[in-house]
C-alpha atoms as a PDB file:
ATOM      1  CA  MET A   1      45.168  81.384  91.713  1.00  0.00           C
ATOM      2  CA  ASN A   2      43.042  82.213  94.865  1.00  0.00           C
ATOM      3  CA  ALA A   3      41.567  78.813  96.158  1.00  0.00           C
ATOM      4  CA  LEU A   4      38.275  78.531  98.259  1.00  0.00           C
ATOM      5  CA  PRO A   5      39.131  76.029 100.884  1.00  0.00           C
ATOM      6  CA  ARG A   6      36.760  72.819 100.585  1.00  0.00           C
ATOM      7  CA  PRO A   7      35.196  71.888 103.894  1.00  0.00           C
ATOM      8  CA  THR A   8      37.344  69.544 105.993  1.00  0.00           C
ATOM      9  CA  ALA A   9      36.343  66.887 108.250  1.00  0.00           C
ATOM     10  CA  GLU A  10      35.021  67.623 111.655  1.00  0.00           C
ATOM     11  CA  HIS A  11      33.158  66.652 114.348  1.00  0.00           C
ATOM     12  CA  PRO A  12      29.641  65.493 113.126  1.00  0.00           C
ATOM     13  CA  ARG A  13      27.957  67.477 115.658  1.00  0.00           C
ATOM     14  CA  ALA A  14      29.907  70.519 114.639  1.00  0.00           C
ATOM     15  CA  GLY A  15      29.183  69.863 111.007  1.00  0.00           C
ATOM     16  CA  ALA A  16      25.431  69.546 111.779  1.00  0.00           C
ATOM     17  CA  ARG A  17      25.533  72.973 113.424  1.00  0.00           C
ATOM     18  CA  ARG A  18      27.254  74.513 110.508  1.00  0.00           C
ATOM     19  CA  ALA A  19      24.877  73.083 108.125  1.00  0.00           C
ATOM     20  CA  GLN A  20      21.965  74.276 110.367  1.00  0.00           C
ATOM     21  CA  ILE A  21      23.393  77.582 110.293  1.00  0.00           C
ATOM     22  CA  LEU A  22      23.980  77.757 106.494  1.00  0.00           C
ATOM     23  CA  ALA A  23      20.321  76.467 105.825  1.00  0.00           C
ATOM     24  CA  ALA A  24      18.942  79.229 108.068  1.00  0.00           C
ATOM     25  CA  ALA A  25      21.094  81.950 106.722  1.00  0.00           C
ATOM     26  CA  ALA A  26      20.252  80.689 103.059  1.00  0.00           C
ATOM     27  CA  ALA A  27      16.655  81.183 103.636  1.00  0.00           C
ATOM     28  CA  CYS A  28      16.956  84.572 105.303  1.00  0.00           C
ATOM     29  CA  PHE A  29      19.225  85.810 102.474  1.00  0.00           C
ATOM     30  CA  ARG A  30      16.509  84.504  99.977  1.00  0.00           C
ATOM     31  CA  SER A  31      13.670  86.430 101.861  1.00  0.00           C
ATOM     32  CA  HIS A  32      15.311  89.542 102.879  1.00  0.00           C
ATOM     33  CA  GLY A  33      18.644  90.021 100.843  1.00  0.00           C
ATOM     34  CA  PHE A  34      22.057  90.195 102.363  1.00  0.00           C
ATOM     35  CA  HIS A  35      21.692  93.418 104.189  1.00  0.00           C
ATOM     36  CA  GLY A  36      18.229  92.719 105.337  1.00  0.00           C
ATOM     37  CA  ALA A  37      19.239  89.277 106.921  1.00  0.00           C
ATOM     38  CA  SER A  38      20.742  90.238 110.153  1.00  0.00           C
ATOM     39  CA  ILE A  39      22.714  87.857 112.572  1.00  0.00           C
ATOM     40  CA  ALA A  40      19.592  88.104 114.819  1.00  0.00           C
ATOM     41  CA  SER A  41      17.222  86.842 112.286  1.00  0.00           C
ATOM     42  CA  ILE A  42      19.597  83.987 111.210  1.00  0.00           C
ATOM     43  CA  SER A  43      19.752  83.160 114.816  1.00  0.00           C
ATOM     44  CA  ALA A  44      16.127  83.039 115.196  1.00  0.00           C
ATOM     45  CA  ALA A  45      15.710  80.866 112.021  1.00  0.00           C
ATOM     46  CA  ALA A  46      18.520  78.627 113.108  1.00  0.00           C
ATOM     47  CA  GLY A  47      16.989  78.180 116.652  1.00  0.00           C
ATOM     48  CA  MET A  48      20.271  78.951 118.399  1.00  0.00           C
ATOM     49  CA  SER A  49      21.823  81.826 119.982  1.00  0.00           C
ATOM     50  CA  ALA A  50      23.687  84.659 117.956  1.00  0.00           C
ATOM     51  CA  GLY A  51      26.862  83.545 120.049  1.00  0.00           C
ATOM     52  CA  HIS A  52      26.729  80.206 118.774  1.00  0.00           C
ATOM     53  CA  ILE A  53      26.623  81.308 115.258  1.00  0.00           C
ATOM     54  CA  TYR A  54      29.809  83.592 115.846  1.00  0.00           C
ATOM     55  CA  HIS A  55      31.413  80.643 117.269  1.00  0.00           C
ATOM     56  CA  TYR A  56      31.092  78.951 113.749  1.00  0.00           C
ATOM     57  CA  PHE A  57      31.125  82.073 111.493  1.00  0.00           C
ATOM     58  CA  GLU A  58      32.976  85.365 112.159  1.00  0.00           C
ATOM     59  CA  ASN A  59      30.331  87.427 110.179  1.00  0.00           C
ATOM     60  CA  LYS A  60      27.763  87.333 107.319  1.00  0.00           C
ATOM     61  CA  GLU A  61      30.523  87.449 104.605  1.00  0.00           C
ATOM     62  CA  ALA A  62      32.154  84.152 106.290  1.00  0.00           C
ATOM     63  CA  ILE A  63      28.470  82.442 105.894  1.00  0.00           C
ATOM     64  CA  ILE A  64      28.412  83.457 102.476  1.00  0.00           C
ATOM     65  CA  ALA A  65      31.589  81.738 101.941  1.00  0.00           C
ATOM     66  CA  GLY A  66      30.279  78.596 103.496  1.00  0.00           C
ATOM     67  CA  ILE A  67      27.343  78.559 101.296  1.00  0.00           C
ATOM     68  CA  VAL A  68      29.589  79.174  98.097  1.00  0.00           C
ATOM     69  CA  ALA A  69      31.706  76.403  99.367  1.00  0.00           C
ATOM     70  CA  GLN A  70      28.788  74.102  99.515  1.00  0.00           C
ATOM     71  CA  ASP A  71      27.879  74.855  95.926  1.00  0.00           C
ATOM     72  CA  LEU A  72      31.545  74.302  94.924  1.00  0.00           C
ATOM     73  CA  ASP A  73      31.571  71.027  96.779  1.00  0.00           C
ATOM     74  CA  HIS A  74      28.707  69.776  94.793  1.00  0.00           C
ATOM     75  CA  ALA A  75      30.014  70.905  91.657  1.00  0.00           C
ATOM     76  CA  LEU A  76      33.601  69.441  92.081  1.00  0.00           C
ATOM     77  CA  ASP A  77      31.884  66.058  93.231  1.00  0.00           C
ATOM     78  CA  VAL A  78      29.798  65.994  90.083  1.00  0.00           C
ATOM     79  CA  THR A  79      32.626  66.750  87.650  1.00  0.00           C
ATOM     80  CA  ALA A  80      35.028  64.267  89.421  1.00  0.00           C
ATOM     81  CA  GLN A  81      32.423  61.548  88.936  1.00  0.00           C
ATOM     82  CA  LEU A  82      31.836  62.417  85.173  1.00  0.00           C
ATOM     83  CA  ARG A  83      35.512  62.008  84.631  1.00  0.00           C
ATOM     84  CA  SER A  84      35.457  58.779  86.377  1.00  0.00           C
ATOM     85  CA  SER A  85      32.863  57.392  83.876  1.00  0.00           C
ATOM     86  CA  PRO A  86      34.118  55.265  80.902  1.00  0.00           C
ATOM     87  CA  ASP A  87      32.036  57.311  78.660  1.00  0.00           C
ATOM     88  CA  VAL A  88      32.536  60.964  79.683  1.00  0.00           C
ATOM     89  CA  LEU A  89      30.280  62.202  76.964  1.00  0.00           C
ATOM     90  CA  GLY A  90      27.434  60.106  77.805  1.00  0.00           C
ATOM     91  CA  ALA A  91      27.819  60.984  81.379  1.00  0.00           C
ATOM     92  CA  LEU A  92      27.981  64.970  80.731  1.00  0.00           C
ATOM     93  CA  GLN A  93      24.750  64.526  78.650  1.00  0.00           C
ATOM     94  CA  ALA A  94      23.158  62.555  81.488  1.00  0.00           C
ATOM     95  CA  ALA A  95      24.092  65.136  83.997  1.00  0.00           C
ATOM     96  CA  VAL A  96      22.591  67.800  82.231  1.00  0.00           C
ATOM     97  CA  ALA A  97      19.103  67.204  83.304  1.00  0.00           C
ATOM     98  CA  GLY A  98      20.243  67.463  87.089  1.00  0.00           C
ATOM     99  CA  GLY A  99      22.153  70.722  86.216  1.00  0.00           C
ATOM    100  CA  VAL A 100      18.913  72.220  84.623  1.00  0.00           C
ATOM    101  CA  ALA A 101      16.787  71.433  87.542  1.00  0.00           C
ATOM    102  CA  ARG A 102      19.312  72.636  90.000  1.00  0.00           C
ATOM    103  CA  SER A 103      19.569  76.120  87.746  1.00  0.00           C
ATOM    104  CA  LEU A 104      15.842  76.366  87.722  1.00  0.00           C
ATOM    105  CA  ASP A 105      15.133  75.664  91.367  1.00  0.00           C
ATOM    106  CA  ALA A 106      13.456  78.747  92.855  1.00  0.00           C
ATOM    107  CA  ASP A 107      15.206  78.694  96.144  1.00  0.00           C
ATOM    108  CA  THR A 108      18.717  78.035  94.467  1.00  0.00           C
ATOM    109  CA  ALA A 109      17.982  80.848  91.920  1.00  0.00           C
ATOM    110  CA  ALA A 110      16.983  83.184  94.464  1.00  0.00           C
ATOM    111  CA  LEU A 111      20.168  82.693  96.615  1.00  0.00           C
ATOM    112  CA  ARG A 112      22.621  82.524  93.607  1.00  0.00           C
ATOM    113  CA  VAL A 113      21.258  85.913  92.417  1.00  0.00           C
ATOM    114  CA  GLU A 114      21.475  87.534  96.012  1.00  0.00           C
ATOM    115  CA  ILE A 115      25.033  86.433  96.370  1.00  0.00           C
ATOM    116  CA  ALA A 116      25.914  87.619  92.742  1.00  0.00           C
ATOM    117  CA  ALA A 117      24.213  90.915  93.504  1.00  0.00           C
ATOM    118  CA  GLU A 118      26.331  91.367  96.865  1.00  0.00           C
ATOM    119  CA  ALA A 119      29.412  90.351  95.026  1.00  0.00           C
ATOM    120  CA  SER A 120      28.933  93.090  92.392  1.00  0.00           C
ATOM    121  CA  ARG A 121      29.255  95.645  95.099  1.00  0.00           C
ATOM    122  CA  ASN A 122      31.360  94.053  98.047  1.00  0.00           C
ATOM    123  CA  GLU A 123      34.971  93.166  96.936  1.00  0.00           C
ATOM    124  CA  ARG A 124      35.354  90.593  99.639  1.00  0.00           C
ATOM    125  CA  VAL A 125      32.314  88.471  98.470  1.00  0.00           C
ATOM    126  CA  ALA A 126      33.406  89.177  94.827  1.00  0.00           C
ATOM    127  CA  ALA A 127      36.697  87.499  95.918  1.00  0.00           C
ATOM    128  CA  ILE A 128      34.737  84.576  97.465  1.00  0.00           C
ATOM    129  CA  VAL A 129      32.646  84.179  94.360  1.00  0.00           C
ATOM    130  CA  ARG A 130      35.467  84.403  92.042  1.00  0.00           C
ATOM    131  CA  ALA A 131      37.848  81.989  93.856  1.00  0.00           C
ATOM    132  CA  ALA A 132      35.022  79.277  93.798  1.00  0.00           C
ATOM    133  CA  ASP A 133      34.405  80.003  89.951  1.00  0.00           C
ATOM    134  CA  GLU A 134      37.932  79.445  89.135  1.00  0.00           C
ATOM    135  CA  GLN A 135      38.004  76.250  90.799  1.00  0.00           C
ATOM    136  CA  GLY A 136      34.658  75.175  89.199  1.00  0.00           C
ATOM    137  CA  ILE A 137      35.709  75.973  85.706  1.00  0.00           C
ATOM    138  CA  ALA A 138      39.104  74.443  86.158  1.00  0.00           C
ATOM    139  CA  SER A 139      37.309  71.139  87.295  1.00  0.00           C
ATOM    140  CA  LEU A 140      35.049  71.427  84.298  1.00  0.00           C
ATOM    141  CA  VAL A 141      37.877  71.847  82.040  1.00  0.00           C
ATOM    142  CA  GLU A 142      39.643  68.790  82.931  1.00  0.00           C
ATOM    143  CA  THR A 143      36.299  66.970  82.539  1.00  0.00           C
ATOM    144  CA  LEU A 144      36.155  68.366  79.116  1.00  0.00           C
ATOM    145  CA  ARG A 145      39.636  67.449  78.485  1.00  0.00           C
ATOM    146  CA  SER A 146      38.965  63.818  79.492  1.00  0.00           C
ATOM    147  CA  MET A 147      36.096  63.678  76.987  1.00  0.00           C
ATOM    148  CA  ARG A 148      37.937  65.198  74.269  1.00  0.00           C
ATOM    149  CA  ARG A 149      40.970  62.898  74.785  1.00  0.00           C
ATOM    150  CA  ALA A 150      38.778  59.994  74.650  1.00  0.00           C
ATOM    151  CA  ARG A 151      37.664  60.997  71.199  1.00  0.00           C
ATOM    152  CA  GLY A 152      41.334  61.537  69.750  1.00  0.00           C
ATOM    153  CA  HIS A 153      41.360  65.203  70.356  1.00  0.00           C
ATOM    154  CA  CYS A 154      44.505  67.299  72.125  1.00  0.00           C
ATOM    155  CA  ASP A 155      43.589  70.698  73.092  1.00  0.00           C
ATOM    156  CA  ASP A 156      45.281  73.390  74.551  1.00  0.00           C
ATOM    157  CA  ASP A 157      43.776  75.281  77.817  1.00  0.00           C
ATOM    158  CA  ALA A 158      42.383  78.255  76.144  1.00  0.00           C
ATOM    159  CA  ALA A 159      40.173  76.220  73.789  1.00  0.00           C
ATOM    160  CA  LEU A 160      39.060  73.973  76.522  1.00  0.00           C
ATOM    161  CA  SER A 161      38.298  77.195  78.802  1.00  0.00           C
ATOM    162  CA  GLY A 162      36.127  78.773  76.008  1.00  0.00           C
ATOM    163  CA  MET A 163      34.003  75.513  76.100  1.00  0.00           C
ATOM    164  CA  ALA A 164      33.687  75.483  79.649  1.00  0.00           C
ATOM    165  CA  GLU A 165      32.823  79.202  79.838  1.00  0.00           C
ATOM    166  CA  VAL A 166      29.995  78.502  77.458  1.00  0.00           C
ATOM    167  CA  ILE A 167      28.551  75.710  79.502  1.00  0.00           C
ATOM    168  CA  ALA A 168      28.752  77.819  82.788  1.00  0.00           C
ATOM    169  CA  ALA A 169      26.935  80.549  80.920  1.00  0.00           C
ATOM    170  CA  LEU A 170      24.260  78.305  79.811  1.00  0.00           C
ATOM    171  CA  PHE A 171      23.534  77.351  83.402  1.00  0.00           C
ATOM    172  CA  ASP A 172      24.223  80.521  84.885  1.00  0.00           C
ATOM    173  CA  GLY A 173      21.793  82.089  82.313  1.00  0.00           C
ATOM    174  CA  LEU A 174      19.071  79.522  83.053  1.00  0.00           C
ATOM    175  CA  THR A 175      19.081  80.744  86.931  1.00  0.00           C
ATOM    176  CA  VAL A 176      18.103  84.339  85.673  1.00  0.00           C
ATOM    177  CA  ARG A 177      15.651  82.743  82.806  1.00  0.00           C
ATOM    178  CA  GLY A 178      13.862  80.839  85.569  1.00  0.00           C
ATOM    179  CA  ILE A 179      13.102  84.043  87.537  1.00  0.00           C
ATOM    180  CA  ARG A 180      12.053  85.874  84.527  1.00  0.00           C
ATOM    181  CA  HIS A 181      10.144  82.845  82.876  1.00  0.00           C
ATOM    182  CA  PRO A 182       9.041  80.250  85.329  1.00  0.00           C
ATOM    183  CA  GLY A 183       7.271  78.466  82.682  1.00  0.00           C
ATOM    184  CA  LEU A 184      10.424  77.741  80.584  1.00  0.00           C
ATOM    185  CA  ASP A 185      10.342  74.356  78.852  1.00  0.00           C
ATOM    186  CA  ARG A 186      12.755  72.478  80.804  1.00  0.00           C
ATOM    187  CA  GLU A 187      12.933  69.305  78.373  1.00  0.00           C
ATOM    188  CA  ALA A 188      13.574  71.595  75.499  1.00  0.00           C
ATOM    189  CA  ALA A 189      16.432  73.299  77.527  1.00  0.00           C
ATOM    190  CA  ILE A 190      17.787  70.002  78.352  1.00  0.00           C
ATOM    191  CA  ARG A 191      17.863  68.875  74.623  1.00  0.00           C
ATOM    192  CA  MET A 192      19.369  71.928  73.291  1.00  0.00           C
ATOM    193  CA  ILE A 193      22.362  71.917  76.012  1.00  0.00           C
ATOM    194  CA  ARG A 194      22.785  68.155  75.358  1.00  0.00           C
ATOM    195  CA  ARG A 195      23.311  69.013  71.649  1.00  0.00           C
ATOM    196  CA  ILE A 196      25.705  71.866  72.576  1.00  0.00           C
ATOM    197  CA  VAL A 197      27.646  69.417  74.930  1.00  0.00           C
ATOM    198  CA  ALA A 198      27.825  66.632  71.977  1.00  0.00           C
ATOM    199  CA  SER A 199      28.994  69.454  69.309  1.00  0.00           C
ATOM    200  CA  PHE A 200      31.949  70.040  71.884  1.00  0.00           C
ATOM    201  CA  ALA A 201      33.020  66.447  71.893  1.00  0.00           C
ATOM    202  CA  ASP A 202      33.910  66.517  68.264  1.00  0.00           C
ATOM    203  CA  GLU A 203      34.677  70.262  67.519  1.00  0.00           C
ATOM    204  CA  ALA A 204      37.715  70.374  65.230  1.00  0.00           C
END
């Protein structure tokens, strides 16, 4: 399995610079698309020279890798916290609201859709996105395994992967639905997803 490296410890100033570039690039990608956002425009948005940006990122694909790694880091941290809970099902259900809010956030949605669109035509970006997805799904599978074991179930990886894919599809779908239907009833979505998660807890 290809692995997307998680961010490693670095000098606080360097980390802040990287974060500044990634935030500027994300804003440019949302506004102008991957191809419309040049290093020059990212440089202007970040308030630093293009040479400074190239010091941290080789090209725009490397910047996308950094953005995807940030998103993955968040997902891995959340699932690790869920597994550490004495009540994994309850923690999962509680986390649904945050997941729905994140999926329906307009800026997050615009950026994710832009990256997915570029991945559909750029194999290098596709490899970045797929490696992150593999790691995210694997962590969710382990979270579901913990939930199911606590309730007396012993499952093979295929069954757990199927559950994880459904949950991922729900949140990915919400990102697109939020763009198509900004007035979507968030509370209803939260209730329905919580029901689905609960159904997975005791599915035979």
